[in-house]
Amino acid sequence: MNYKTLGKSSLLVSPLTFGGNVFGWTLNETESFRILDQFVDAGFNFIDTADTYSTWVEGNQGGESETIIGKWLKSNNKRDKVVIGTKLGGEMGKNQKGLSAAYIVEAVDASLSRLKTDYIDLYQAHYDDLDTPQEETLEAFDKLIKEGKVRFIGASNLSGERLKSSLEISKNNNFASYISLQPLYNLTDRSGFETEYESLVNEYNLGVIPYYALASGFLSGKYRGESDLNKSVRGYGIKKYLNERGFNILNALDKVAEAHGASPARVALAWLLHKSAITSPIVSATNEKQMNELILSTQLTLSPEEMQLLDQVSAF
């Protein structure tokens, strides 16, 4: 397994990160345990979740994903074999959101309890909080690290401007600094990362953990028209890709996939893995077949000509 260092941290992470938003949503506890075992037994070690997973499911209150991961950790001796990343800031209930110092203390203790662990490897600001001074947020994060509750901190969904100012505040105040960024980035969604974040990532040596690596499943190739949108619970988010550019991307993926005897999903992930700025894309699977596809994507080498083709058809 080709592990990578996450930014300027000491965390060594696998080339793929498992996205825990499926736990307590499309996977029950037993199924979650099985898929986590398969992921870790294959040599992967990075698991990402958030306290808000999965508040969108009827009857859920949030924390379901962390709770399942915590039960899985307690059922085995794999805590030292995995890197656990979770996030805070999203709404968990009345007056339970944001990045104030007081709420950070409340949220981290709740996550630690659900995860049944003494420390979180990567604690990430899920969403920005414009009502709280960045100095307050970063000082609170710094204190968590000094207390040993958190090893490193990261950011997600901060604007490029706010990310840069956070990094400078940490530097000027000798606070712990964000070592990673979790942005939207895939073959269809390129402009945001490449225009707003990539230069910052290179300047500050940030690890990059892109989410929606397969564009909610569009890049798997199973959605070729509106009649396919009911194939999964994520279908509603795919309609926006059903246009000329999207179909050109699928056609290019088909061409490269055929040359390798691979699937479009495997090629789309390989494209991300070939990007020098990317550390570990976030992926999910709900069965063994999907997991095998993820594993195989890390073994697929694309030629410069194939990368150029995919770059060209997905240009924005």
C-alpha atoms as a PDB file:
ATOM      1  CA  MET A   1       0.000   0.000   0.000  1.00  0.00           C
ATOM      2  CA  ASN A   2       1.360   3.393  -0.978  1.00  0.00           C
ATOM      3  CA  TYR A   3       0.670   5.503   2.098  1.00  0.00           C
ATOM      4  CA  LYS A   4       1.016   9.273   1.896  1.00  0.00           C
ATOM      5  CA  THR A   5       1.809  11.907   4.492  1.00  0.00           C
ATOM      6  CA  LEU A   6      -1.215  14.125   5.087  1.00  0.00           C
ATOM      7  CA  GLY A   7       0.064  17.653   4.584  1.00  0.00           C
ATOM      8  CA  LYS A   8       2.649  18.699   7.167  1.00  0.00           C
ATOM      9  CA  SER A   9       1.364  16.219   9.747  1.00  0.00           C
ATOM     10  CA  SER A  10       2.828  12.907  10.870  1.00  0.00           C
ATOM     11  CA  LEU A  11      -0.301  11.066   9.700  1.00  0.00           C
ATOM     12  CA  LEU A  12       0.341   8.395   7.097  1.00  0.00           C
ATOM     13  CA  VAL A  13      -2.865   7.717   5.193  1.00  0.00           C
ATOM     14  CA  SER A  14      -3.946   5.296   2.503  1.00  0.00           C
ATOM     15  CA  PRO A  15      -4.575   6.538  -1.061  1.00  0.00           C
ATOM     16  CA  LEU A  16      -8.340   6.273  -0.481  1.00  0.00           C
ATOM     17  CA  THR A  17     -10.417   7.460   2.466  1.00  0.00           C
ATOM     18  CA  PHE A  18     -13.653   5.727   3.366  1.00  0.00           C
ATOM     19  CA  GLY A  19     -16.561   8.162   3.651  1.00  0.00           C
ATOM     20  CA  GLY A  20     -18.628   7.304   6.703  1.00  0.00           C
ATOM     21  CA  ASN A  21     -21.772   9.165   5.643  1.00  0.00           C
ATOM     22  CA  VAL A  22     -23.247   5.812   4.551  1.00  0.00           C
ATOM     23  CA  PHE A  23     -23.134   4.407   8.093  1.00  0.00           C
ATOM     24  CA  GLY A  24     -26.590   4.630   9.593  1.00  0.00           C
ATOM     25  CA  TRP A  25     -28.005   5.678   6.241  1.00  0.00           C
ATOM     26  CA  THR A  26     -27.596   3.182   3.400  1.00  0.00           C
ATOM     27  CA  LEU A  27     -25.744   0.682   5.605  1.00  0.00           C
ATOM     28  CA  ASN A  28     -26.950  -0.667   8.923  1.00  0.00           C
ATOM     29  CA  GLU A  29     -24.577  -1.536  11.757  1.00  0.00           C
ATOM     30  CA  THR A  30     -23.847  -5.109  10.654  1.00  0.00           C
ATOM     31  CA  GLU A  31     -23.256  -4.069   7.038  1.00  0.00           C
ATOM     32  CA  SER A  32     -21.065  -1.169   8.186  1.00  0.00           C
ATOM     33  CA  PHE A  33     -18.873  -3.490  10.257  1.00  0.00           C
ATOM     34  CA  ARG A  34     -18.440  -5.801   7.286  1.00  0.00           C
ATOM     35  CA  ILE A  35     -17.466  -3.035   4.853  1.00  0.00           C
ATOM     36  CA  LEU A  36     -15.071  -1.455   7.385  1.00  0.00           C
ATOM     37  CA  ASP A  37     -13.381  -4.812   7.921  1.00  0.00           C
ATOM     38  CA  GLN A  38     -12.999  -5.289   4.180  1.00  0.00           C
ATOM     39  CA  PHE A  39     -11.545  -1.800   3.775  1.00  0.00           C
ATOM     40  CA  VAL A  40      -8.989  -2.153   6.564  1.00  0.00           C
ATOM     41  CA  ASP A  41      -8.111  -5.754   5.739  1.00  0.00           C
ATOM     42  CA  ALA A  42      -7.235  -4.575   2.217  1.00  0.00           C
ATOM     43  CA  GLY A  43      -4.612  -2.255   3.731  1.00  0.00           C
ATOM     44  CA  PHE A  44      -6.515   1.033   3.798  1.00  0.00           C
ATOM     45  CA  ASN A  45      -6.541   3.020   7.027  1.00  0.00           C
ATOM     46  CA  PHE A  46      -8.284   6.410   6.639  1.00  0.00           C
ATOM     47  CA  ILE A  47     -11.921   6.767   7.741  1.00  0.00           C
ATOM     48  CA  ASP A  48     -13.770  10.085   7.529  1.00  0.00           C
ATOM     49  CA  THR A  49     -17.056  10.985   9.179  1.00  0.00           C
ATOM     50  CA  ALA A  50     -18.840  13.935  10.819  1.00  0.00           C
ATOM     51  CA  ASP A  51     -21.049  14.519  13.818  1.00  0.00           C
ATOM     52  CA  THR A  52     -23.959  15.472  11.527  1.00  0.00           C
ATOM     53  CA  TYR A  53     -23.962  12.112   9.710  1.00  0.00           C
ATOM     54  CA  SER A  54     -26.766  11.316   9.172  1.00  0.00           C
ATOM     55  CA  THR A  55     -29.198  14.015  10.281  1.00  0.00           C
ATOM     56  CA  TRP A  56     -30.938  13.960   6.885  1.00  0.00           C
ATOM     57  CA  VAL A  57     -32.382  10.494   7.479  1.00  0.00           C
ATOM     58  CA  GLU A  58     -35.855  10.470   8.977  1.00  0.00           C
ATOM     59  CA  GLY A  59     -35.671   9.494  12.631  1.00  0.00           C
ATOM     60  CA  ASN A  60     -31.956  10.241  12.959  1.00  0.00           C
ATOM     61  CA  GLN A  61     -30.537  12.969  15.183  1.00  0.00           C
ATOM     62  CA  GLY A  62     -26.928  12.985  14.045  1.00  0.00           C
ATOM     63  CA  GLY A  63     -24.006  11.027  15.423  1.00  0.00           C
ATOM     64  CA  GLU A  64     -25.201   7.740  13.921  1.00  0.00           C
ATOM     65  CA  SER A  65     -22.073   7.297  11.797  1.00  0.00           C
ATOM     66  CA  GLU A  66     -19.668   8.073  14.638  1.00  0.00           C
ATOM     67  CA  THR A  67     -21.594   5.705  16.903  1.00  0.00           C
ATOM     68  CA  ILE A  68     -21.295   2.834  14.440  1.00  0.00           C
ATOM     69  CA  ILE A  69     -17.574   3.482  13.942  1.00  0.00           C
ATOM     70  CA  GLY A  70     -17.124   3.588  17.717  1.00  0.00           C
ATOM     71  CA  LYS A  71     -18.875   0.256  18.183  1.00  0.00           C
ATOM     72  CA  TRP A  72     -16.735  -1.216  15.399  1.00  0.00           C
ATOM     73  CA  LEU A  73     -13.558   0.067  17.066  1.00  0.00           C
ATOM     74  CA  LYS A  74     -14.629  -1.395  20.395  1.00  0.00           C
ATOM     75  CA  SER A  75     -15.382  -4.773  18.790  1.00  0.00           C
ATOM     76  CA  ASN A  76     -11.818  -5.196  17.536  1.00  0.00           C
ATOM     77  CA  ASN A  77      -8.282  -4.021  18.259  1.00  0.00           C
ATOM     78  CA  LYS A  78      -7.877  -1.860  15.163  1.00  0.00           C
ATOM     79  CA  ARG A  79      -7.764   1.636  16.678  1.00  0.00           C
ATOM     80  CA  ASP A  80      -4.012   1.892  16.190  1.00  0.00           C
ATOM     81  CA  LYS A  81      -4.400   0.650  12.591  1.00  0.00           C
ATOM     82  CA  VAL A  82      -6.741   3.419  11.462  1.00  0.00           C
ATOM     83  CA  VAL A  83      -6.732   7.188  11.089  1.00  0.00           C
ATOM     84  CA  ILE A  84     -10.063   8.638  12.184  1.00  0.00           C
ATOM     85  CA  GLY A  85     -11.175  11.985  10.852  1.00  0.00           C
ATOM     86  CA  THR A  86     -14.395  13.638  11.933  1.00  0.00           C
ATOM     87  CA  LYS A  87     -15.927  17.072  11.578  1.00  0.00           C
ATOM     88  CA  LEU A  88     -17.938  19.619  13.532  1.00  0.00           C
ATOM     89  CA  GLY A  89     -19.764  22.840  12.796  1.00  0.00           C
ATOM     90  CA  GLY A  90     -22.922  21.594  11.101  1.00  0.00           C
ATOM     91  CA  GLU A  91     -26.222  21.855  12.901  1.00  0.00           C
ATOM     92  CA  MET A  92     -26.833  19.124  15.465  1.00  0.00           C
ATOM     93  CA  GLY A  93     -29.813  20.744  17.150  1.00  0.00           C
ATOM     94  CA  LYS A  94     -30.890  24.017  18.684  1.00  0.00           C
ATOM     95  CA  ASN A  95     -27.792  26.113  19.481  1.00  0.00           C
ATOM     96  CA  GLN A  96     -25.594  23.158  18.537  1.00  0.00           C
ATOM     97  CA  LYS A  97     -23.536  24.308  15.583  1.00  0.00           C
ATOM     98  CA  GLY A  98     -20.696  26.594  14.627  1.00  0.00           C
ATOM     99  CA  LEU A  99     -17.076  27.009  15.669  1.00  0.00           C
ATOM    100  CA  SER A 100     -17.214  28.958  18.930  1.00  0.00           C
ATOM    101  CA  ALA A 101     -14.757  27.912  21.623  1.00  0.00           C
ATOM    102  CA  ALA A 102     -17.544  26.768  23.931  1.00  0.00           C
ATOM    103  CA  TYR A 103     -19.221  24.667  21.255  1.00  0.00           C
ATOM    104  CA  ILE A 104     -15.949  23.118  20.085  1.00  0.00           C
ATOM    105  CA  VAL A 105     -15.388  21.775  23.629  1.00  0.00           C
ATOM    106  CA  GLU A 106     -18.940  20.395  23.710  1.00  0.00           C
ATOM    107  CA  ALA A 107     -18.743  18.882  20.228  1.00  0.00           C
ATOM    108  CA  VAL A 108     -15.363  17.190  20.584  1.00  0.00           C
ATOM    109  CA  ASP A 109     -16.365  15.475  23.831  1.00  0.00           C
ATOM    110  CA  ALA A 110     -19.563  14.219  22.201  1.00  0.00           C
ATOM    111  CA  SER A 111     -17.643  12.865  19.200  1.00  0.00           C
ATOM    112  CA  LEU A 112     -15.030  11.197  21.406  1.00  0.00           C
ATOM    113  CA  SER A 113     -17.806   9.512  23.372  1.00  0.00           C
ATOM    114  CA  ARG A 114     -19.578   8.241  20.257  1.00  0.00           C
ATOM    115  CA  LEU A 115     -16.322   7.089  18.654  1.00  0.00           C
ATOM    116  CA  LYS A 116     -15.277   5.350  21.893  1.00  0.00           C
ATOM    117  CA  THR A 117     -11.743   6.673  21.612  1.00  0.00           C
ATOM    118  CA  ASP A 118      -9.486   8.952  23.624  1.00  0.00           C
ATOM    119  CA  TYR A 119      -8.333  10.993  20.639  1.00  0.00           C
ATOM    120  CA  ILE A 120      -9.323  12.064  17.154  1.00  0.00           C
ATOM    121  CA  ASP A 121      -6.568  11.958  14.541  1.00  0.00           C
ATOM    122  CA  LEU A 122      -7.998  14.707  12.334  1.00  0.00           C
ATOM    123  CA  TYR A 123     -10.624  17.121  13.651  1.00  0.00           C
ATOM    124  CA  GLN A 124     -12.066  19.269  10.881  1.00  0.00           C
ATOM    125  CA  ALA A 125     -14.119  22.431  10.662  1.00  0.00           C
ATOM    126  CA  HIS A 126     -17.008  21.148   8.543  1.00  0.00           C
ATOM    127  CA  TYR A 127     -18.460  24.560   7.703  1.00  0.00           C
ATOM    128  CA  ASP A 128     -17.296  28.110   8.266  1.00  0.00           C
ATOM    129  CA  ASP A 129     -18.729  30.181  11.121  1.00  0.00           C
ATOM    130  CA  LEU A 130     -18.831  33.842  10.187  1.00  0.00           C
ATOM    131  CA  ASP A 131     -20.207  34.784  13.608  1.00  0.00           C
ATOM    132  CA  THR A 132     -17.131  33.562  15.488  1.00  0.00           C
ATOM    133  CA  PRO A 133     -13.696  35.212  15.209  1.00  0.00           C
ATOM    134  CA  GLN A 134     -11.229  32.876  13.538  1.00  0.00           C
ATOM    135  CA  GLU A 135      -8.777  33.561  16.363  1.00  0.00           C
ATOM    136  CA  GLU A 136     -11.260  32.119  18.857  1.00  0.00           C
ATOM    137  CA  THR A 137     -11.786  29.000  16.771  1.00  0.00           C
ATOM    138  CA  LEU A 138      -8.116  28.342  16.171  1.00  0.00           C
ATOM    139  CA  GLU A 139      -7.143  28.961  19.786  1.00  0.00           C
ATOM    140  CA  ALA A 140      -9.789  26.452  20.866  1.00  0.00           C
ATOM    141  CA  PHE A 141      -8.492  23.887  18.375  1.00  0.00           C
ATOM    142  CA  ASP A 142      -4.949  24.528  19.590  1.00  0.00           C
ATOM    143  CA  LYS A 143      -6.045  23.821  23.151  1.00  0.00           C
ATOM    144  CA  LEU A 144      -7.619  20.497  22.108  1.00  0.00           C
ATOM    145  CA  ILE A 145      -4.312  19.421  20.601  1.00  0.00           C
ATOM    146  CA  LYS A 146      -2.394  20.398  23.723  1.00  0.00           C
ATOM    147  CA  GLU A 147      -4.899  18.410  25.810  1.00  0.00           C
ATOM    148  CA  GLY A 148      -4.364  15.344  23.618  1.00  0.00           C
ATOM    149  CA  LYS A 149      -7.984  15.084  22.497  1.00  0.00           C
ATOM    150  CA  VAL A 150      -7.043  15.882  18.900  1.00  0.00           C
ATOM    151  CA  ARG A 151      -3.842  15.215  16.987  1.00  0.00           C
ATOM    152  CA  PHE A 152      -4.309  17.503  13.976  1.00  0.00           C
ATOM    153  CA  ILE A 153      -6.916  19.872  12.564  1.00  0.00           C
ATOM    154  CA  GLY A 154      -8.270  20.356   9.057  1.00  0.00           C
ATOM    155  CA  ALA A 155     -10.790  22.457   7.162  1.00  0.00           C
ATOM    156  CA  SER A 156     -13.673  21.780   4.819  1.00  0.00           C
ATOM    157  CA  ASN A 157     -15.962  24.157   2.924  1.00  0.00           C
ATOM    158  CA  LEU A 158     -14.044  27.296   3.894  1.00  0.00           C
ATOM    159  CA  SER A 159     -13.604  29.812   1.093  1.00  0.00           C
ATOM    160  CA  GLY A 160     -10.092  30.242  -0.230  1.00  0.00           C
ATOM    161  CA  GLU A 161      -9.902  33.672   1.368  1.00  0.00           C
ATOM    162  CA  ARG A 162     -11.030  32.412   4.782  1.00  0.00           C
ATOM    163  CA  LEU A 163      -8.736  29.406   4.584  1.00  0.00           C
ATOM    164  CA  LYS A 164      -5.744  31.627   3.876  1.00  0.00           C
ATOM    165  CA  SER A 165      -6.589  34.019   6.709  1.00  0.00           C
ATOM    166  CA  SER A 166      -6.953  31.066   9.100  1.00  0.00           C
ATOM    167  CA  LEU A 167      -3.541  29.753   8.142  1.00  0.00           C
ATOM    168  CA  GLU A 168      -1.977  33.183   8.651  1.00  0.00           C
ATOM    169  CA  ILE A 169      -3.692  33.647  12.036  1.00  0.00           C
ATOM    170  CA  SER A 170      -2.301  30.316  13.218  1.00  0.00           C
ATOM    171  CA  LYS A 171       1.160  31.276  12.020  1.00  0.00           C
ATOM    172  CA  ASN A 172       1.106  34.714  13.635  1.00  0.00           C
ATOM    173  CA  ASN A 173      -0.259  33.469  16.976  1.00  0.00           C
ATOM    174  CA  ASN A 174       1.676  30.217  17.153  1.00  0.00           C
ATOM    175  CA  PHE A 175      -1.571  28.222  17.113  1.00  0.00           C
ATOM    176  CA  ALA A 176      -1.886  24.775  15.606  1.00  0.00           C
ATOM    177  CA  SER A 177      -2.649  25.139  11.907  1.00  0.00           C
ATOM    178  CA  TYR A 178      -4.969  23.364   9.506  1.00  0.00           C
ATOM    179  CA  ILE A 179      -2.948  20.633   7.815  1.00  0.00           C
ATOM    180  CA  SER A 180      -5.604  19.487   5.356  1.00  0.00           C
ATOM    181  CA  LEU A 181      -8.452  20.632   3.155  1.00  0.00           C
ATOM    182  CA  GLN A 182     -11.574  18.675   2.275  1.00  0.00           C
ATOM    183  CA  PRO A 183     -12.943  20.206  -0.955  1.00  0.00           C
ATOM    184  CA  LEU A 184     -15.366  19.169  -3.665  1.00  0.00           C
ATOM    185  CA  TYR A 185     -13.218  17.813  -6.499  1.00  0.00           C
ATOM    186  CA  ASN A 186     -13.709  15.215  -9.202  1.00  0.00           C
ATOM    187  CA  LEU A 187     -13.559  14.882 -12.971  1.00  0.00           C
ATOM    188  CA  THR A 188     -16.792  16.838 -13.428  1.00  0.00           C
ATOM    189  CA  ASP A 189     -16.340  19.365 -10.596  1.00  0.00           C
ATOM    190  CA  ARG A 190     -12.920  20.875 -11.221  1.00  0.00           C
ATOM    191  CA  SER A 191     -13.218  24.648 -11.318  1.00  0.00           C
ATOM    192  CA  GLY A 192     -13.700  25.356  -7.590  1.00  0.00           C
ATOM    193  CA  PHE A 193     -10.621  23.491  -6.432  1.00  0.00           C
ATOM    194  CA  GLU A 194      -8.345  24.375  -9.320  1.00  0.00           C
ATOM    195  CA  THR A 195      -9.124  28.109  -9.328  1.00  0.00           C
ATOM    196  CA  GLU A 196      -9.649  28.801  -5.628  1.00  0.00           C
ATOM    197  CA  TYR A 197      -7.666  26.269  -3.638  1.00  0.00           C
ATOM    198  CA  GLU A 198      -4.884  24.560  -5.569  1.00  0.00           C
ATOM    199  CA  SER A 199      -2.389  27.410  -5.251  1.00  0.00           C
ATOM    200  CA  LEU A 200      -3.083  27.625  -1.496  1.00  0.00           C
ATOM    201  CA  VAL A 201      -2.635  23.883  -1.135  1.00  0.00           C
ATOM    202  CA  ASN A 202       0.767  24.106  -2.780  1.00  0.00           C
ATOM    203  CA  GLU A 203       1.821  27.228  -0.875  1.00  0.00           C
ATOM    204  CA  TYR A 204       0.938  25.844   2.562  1.00  0.00           C
ATOM    205  CA  ASN A 205       1.562  22.153   1.854  1.00  0.00           C
ATOM    206  CA  LEU A 206      -1.959  21.072   2.752  1.00  0.00           C
ATOM    207  CA  GLY A 207      -3.181  17.519   2.413  1.00  0.00           C
ATOM    208  CA  VAL A 208      -6.211  17.263   0.127  1.00  0.00           C
ATOM    209  CA  ILE A 209      -9.087  14.885   0.849  1.00  0.00           C
ATOM    210  CA  PRO A 210     -11.648  15.557  -1.890  1.00  0.00           C
ATOM    211  CA  TYR A 211     -15.258  14.539  -1.368  1.00  0.00           C
ATOM    212  CA  TYR A 212     -17.756  13.380  -4.005  1.00  0.00           C
ATOM    213  CA  ALA A 213     -14.834  11.735  -5.803  1.00  0.00           C
ATOM    214  CA  LEU A 214     -17.288  10.007  -8.162  1.00  0.00           C
ATOM    215  CA  ALA A 215     -19.701  12.957  -8.409  1.00  0.00           C
ATOM    216  CA  SER A 216     -22.345  11.184  -6.324  1.00  0.00           C
ATOM    217  CA  GLY A 217     -22.030   8.150  -8.596  1.00  0.00           C
ATOM    218  CA  PHE A 218     -22.324   9.900 -11.968  1.00  0.00           C
ATOM    219  CA  LEU A 219     -18.758   8.942 -12.886  1.00  0.00           C
ATOM    220  CA  SER A 220     -19.570   5.276 -12.317  1.00  0.00           C
ATOM    221  CA  GLY A 221     -21.334   5.442 -15.681  1.00  0.00           C
ATOM    222  CA  LYS A 222     -24.619   3.989 -14.490  1.00  0.00           C
ATOM    223  CA  TYR A 223     -26.490   7.259 -14.992  1.00  0.00           C
ATOM    224  CA  ARG A 224     -26.871   7.885 -18.716  1.00  0.00           C
ATOM    225  CA  GLY A 225     -30.217   9.711 -18.713  1.00  0.00           C
ATOM    226  CA  GLU A 226     -32.984  11.002 -16.465  1.00  0.00           C
ATOM    227  CA  SER A 227     -34.630   7.584 -16.423  1.00  0.00           C
ATOM    228  CA  ASP A 228     -31.589   6.315 -14.497  1.00  0.00           C
ATOM    229  CA  LEU A 229     -31.875   8.829 -11.661  1.00  0.00           C
ATOM    230  CA  ASN A 230     -33.999   6.500  -9.540  1.00  0.00           C
ATOM    231  CA  LYS A 231     -31.229   3.904  -9.380  1.00  0.00           C
ATOM    232  CA  SER A 232     -30.082   5.121  -5.957  1.00  0.00           C
ATOM    233  CA  VAL A 233     -30.919   7.553  -3.174  1.00  0.00           C
ATOM    234  CA  ARG A 234     -28.240   9.848  -4.584  1.00  0.00           C
ATOM    235  CA  GLY A 235     -29.821  10.074  -8.011  1.00  0.00           C
ATOM    236  CA  TYR A 236     -31.417  13.428  -7.272  1.00  0.00           C
ATOM    237  CA  GLY A 237     -28.003  15.113  -7.215  1.00  0.00           C
ATOM    238  CA  ILE A 238     -26.899  13.807 -10.594  1.00  0.00           C
ATOM    239  CA  LYS A 239     -29.316  15.512 -12.972  1.00  0.00           C
ATOM    240  CA  LYS A 240     -27.031  18.550 -13.213  1.00  0.00           C
ATOM    241  CA  TYR A 241     -24.358  16.414 -14.902  1.00  0.00           C
ATOM    242  CA  LEU A 242     -26.639  15.190 -17.670  1.00  0.00           C
ATOM    243  CA  ASN A 243     -25.445  17.631 -20.326  1.00  0.00           C
ATOM    244  CA  GLU A 244     -23.061  17.676 -23.286  1.00  0.00           C
ATOM    245  CA  ARG A 245     -19.959  18.072 -21.137  1.00  0.00           C
ATOM    246  CA  GLY A 246     -21.069  15.291 -18.810  1.00  0.00           C
ATOM    247  CA  PHE A 247     -21.732  12.882 -21.657  1.00  0.00           C
ATOM    248  CA  ASN A 248     -18.359  13.730 -23.247  1.00  0.00           C
ATOM    249  CA  ILE A 249     -16.694  12.858 -19.952  1.00  0.00           C
ATOM    250  CA  LEU A 250     -18.546   9.546 -19.772  1.00  0.00           C
ATOM    251  CA  ASN A 251     -17.568   8.720 -23.354  1.00  0.00           C
ATOM    252  CA  ALA A 252     -13.905   9.397 -22.563  1.00  0.00           C
ATOM    253  CA  LEU A 253     -14.129   7.286 -19.413  1.00  0.00           C
ATOM    254  CA  ASP A 254     -15.668   4.470 -21.460  1.00  0.00           C
ATOM    255  CA  LYS A 255     -12.811   4.659 -23.961  1.00  0.00           C
ATOM    256  CA  VAL A 256     -10.064   4.559 -21.338  1.00  0.00           C
ATOM    257  CA  ALA A 257     -11.880   1.919 -19.310  1.00  0.00           C
ATOM    258  CA  GLU A 258     -12.205  -0.353 -22.326  1.00  0.00           C
ATOM    259  CA  ALA A 259      -8.473  -0.076 -23.017  1.00  0.00           C
ATOM    260  CA  HIS A 260      -7.714  -1.288 -19.490  1.00  0.00           C
ATOM    261  CA  GLY A 261     -10.548  -3.762 -19.073  1.00  0.00           C
ATOM    262  CA  ALA A 262     -11.693  -1.574 -16.208  1.00  0.00           C
ATOM    263  CA  SER A 263     -14.845   0.255 -15.149  1.00  0.00           C
ATOM    264  CA  PRO A 264     -15.492   4.002 -15.622  1.00  0.00           C
ATOM    265  CA  ALA A 265     -15.490   4.448 -11.841  1.00  0.00           C
ATOM    266  CA  ARG A 266     -12.052   2.885 -11.578  1.00  0.00           C
ATOM    267  CA  VAL A 267     -10.714   5.237 -14.242  1.00  0.00           C
ATOM    268  CA  ALA A 268     -12.323   8.322 -12.682  1.00  0.00           C
ATOM    269  CA  LEU A 269     -10.704   7.549  -9.334  1.00  0.00           C
ATOM    270  CA  ALA A 270      -7.373   6.793 -10.992  1.00  0.00           C
ATOM    271  CA  TRP A 271      -7.533  10.254 -12.630  1.00  0.00           C
ATOM    272  CA  LEU A 272      -7.803  11.816  -9.170  1.00  0.00           C
ATOM    273  CA  LEU A 273      -5.023   9.637  -7.791  1.00  0.00           C
ATOM    274  CA  HIS A 274      -2.723  10.796 -10.599  1.00  0.00           C
ATOM    275  CA  LYS A 275      -3.166  14.457  -9.573  1.00  0.00           C
ATOM    276  CA  SER A 276      -0.137  15.567  -7.553  1.00  0.00           C
ATOM    277  CA  ALA A 277      -2.140  17.858  -5.267  1.00  0.00           C
ATOM    278  CA  ILE A 278      -4.471  15.082  -4.129  1.00  0.00           C
ATOM    279  CA  THR A 279      -3.676  13.024  -1.043  1.00  0.00           C
ATOM    280  CA  SER A 280      -6.620  10.685  -0.498  1.00  0.00           C
ATOM    281  CA  PRO A 281     -10.034  10.962  -2.195  1.00  0.00           C
ATOM    282  CA  ILE A 282     -13.075  10.109  -0.098  1.00  0.00           C
ATOM    283  CA  VAL A 283     -15.031   7.136  -1.428  1.00  0.00           C
ATOM    284  CA  SER A 284     -17.859   4.953  -0.215  1.00  0.00           C
ATOM    285  CA  ALA A 285     -19.092   1.459  -0.946  1.00  0.00           C
ATOM    286  CA  THR A 286     -22.136  -0.470   0.167  1.00  0.00           C
ATOM    287  CA  ASN A 287     -21.136  -3.946  -0.974  1.00  0.00           C
ATOM    288  CA  GLU A 288     -18.119  -6.133  -1.685  1.00  0.00           C
ATOM    289  CA  LYS A 289     -18.250  -5.596  -5.443  1.00  0.00           C
ATOM    290  CA  GLN A 290     -18.087  -1.817  -5.093  1.00  0.00           C
ATOM    291  CA  MET A 291     -15.260  -2.136  -2.581  1.00  0.00           C
ATOM    292  CA  ASN A 292     -13.258  -4.269  -4.985  1.00  0.00           C
ATOM    293  CA  GLU A 293     -13.635  -1.538  -7.620  1.00  0.00           C
ATOM    294  CA  LEU A 294     -12.233   1.007  -5.188  1.00  0.00           C
ATOM    295  CA  ILE A 295      -9.295  -1.226  -4.364  1.00  0.00           C
ATOM    296  CA  LEU A 296      -8.528  -1.822  -8.046  1.00  0.00           C
ATOM    297  CA  SER A 297      -8.561   1.911  -8.798  1.00  0.00           C
ATOM    298  CA  THR A 298      -5.387   2.323  -6.752  1.00  0.00           C
ATOM    299  CA  GLN A 299      -3.651  -0.213  -8.999  1.00  0.00           C
ATOM    300  CA  LEU A 300      -4.580   1.413 -12.318  1.00  0.00           C
ATOM    301  CA  THR A 301      -1.894   3.413 -14.118  1.00  0.00           C
ATOM    302  CA  LEU A 302      -3.104   5.902 -16.726  1.00  0.00           C
ATOM    303  CA  SER A 303      -0.823   6.994 -19.566  1.00  0.00           C
ATOM    304  CA  PRO A 304      -0.016  10.687 -20.144  1.00  0.00           C
ATOM    305  CA  GLU A 305      -2.203  10.507 -23.260  1.00  0.00           C
ATOM    306  CA  GLU A 306      -5.130   9.137 -21.265  1.00  0.00           C
ATOM    307  CA  MET A 307      -4.743  11.823 -18.608  1.00  0.00           C
ATOM    308  CA  GLN A 308      -4.630  14.459 -21.336  1.00  0.00           C
ATOM    309  CA  LEU A 309      -7.823  13.118 -22.897  1.00  0.00           C
ATOM    310  CA  LEU A 310      -9.660  13.203 -19.582  1.00  0.00           C
ATOM    311  CA  ASP A 311      -8.297  16.669 -18.805  1.00  0.00           C
ATOM    312  CA  GLN A 312      -9.464  17.986 -22.154  1.00  0.00           C
ATOM    313  CA  VAL A 313     -13.031  16.648 -22.089  1.00  0.00           C
ATOM    314  CA  SER A 314     -13.509  17.848 -18.505  1.00  0.00           C
ATOM    315  CA  ALA A 315     -11.994  21.297 -19.046  1.00  0.00           C
ATOM    316  CA  PHE A 316     -14.099  24.120 -17.608  1.00  0.00           C
END
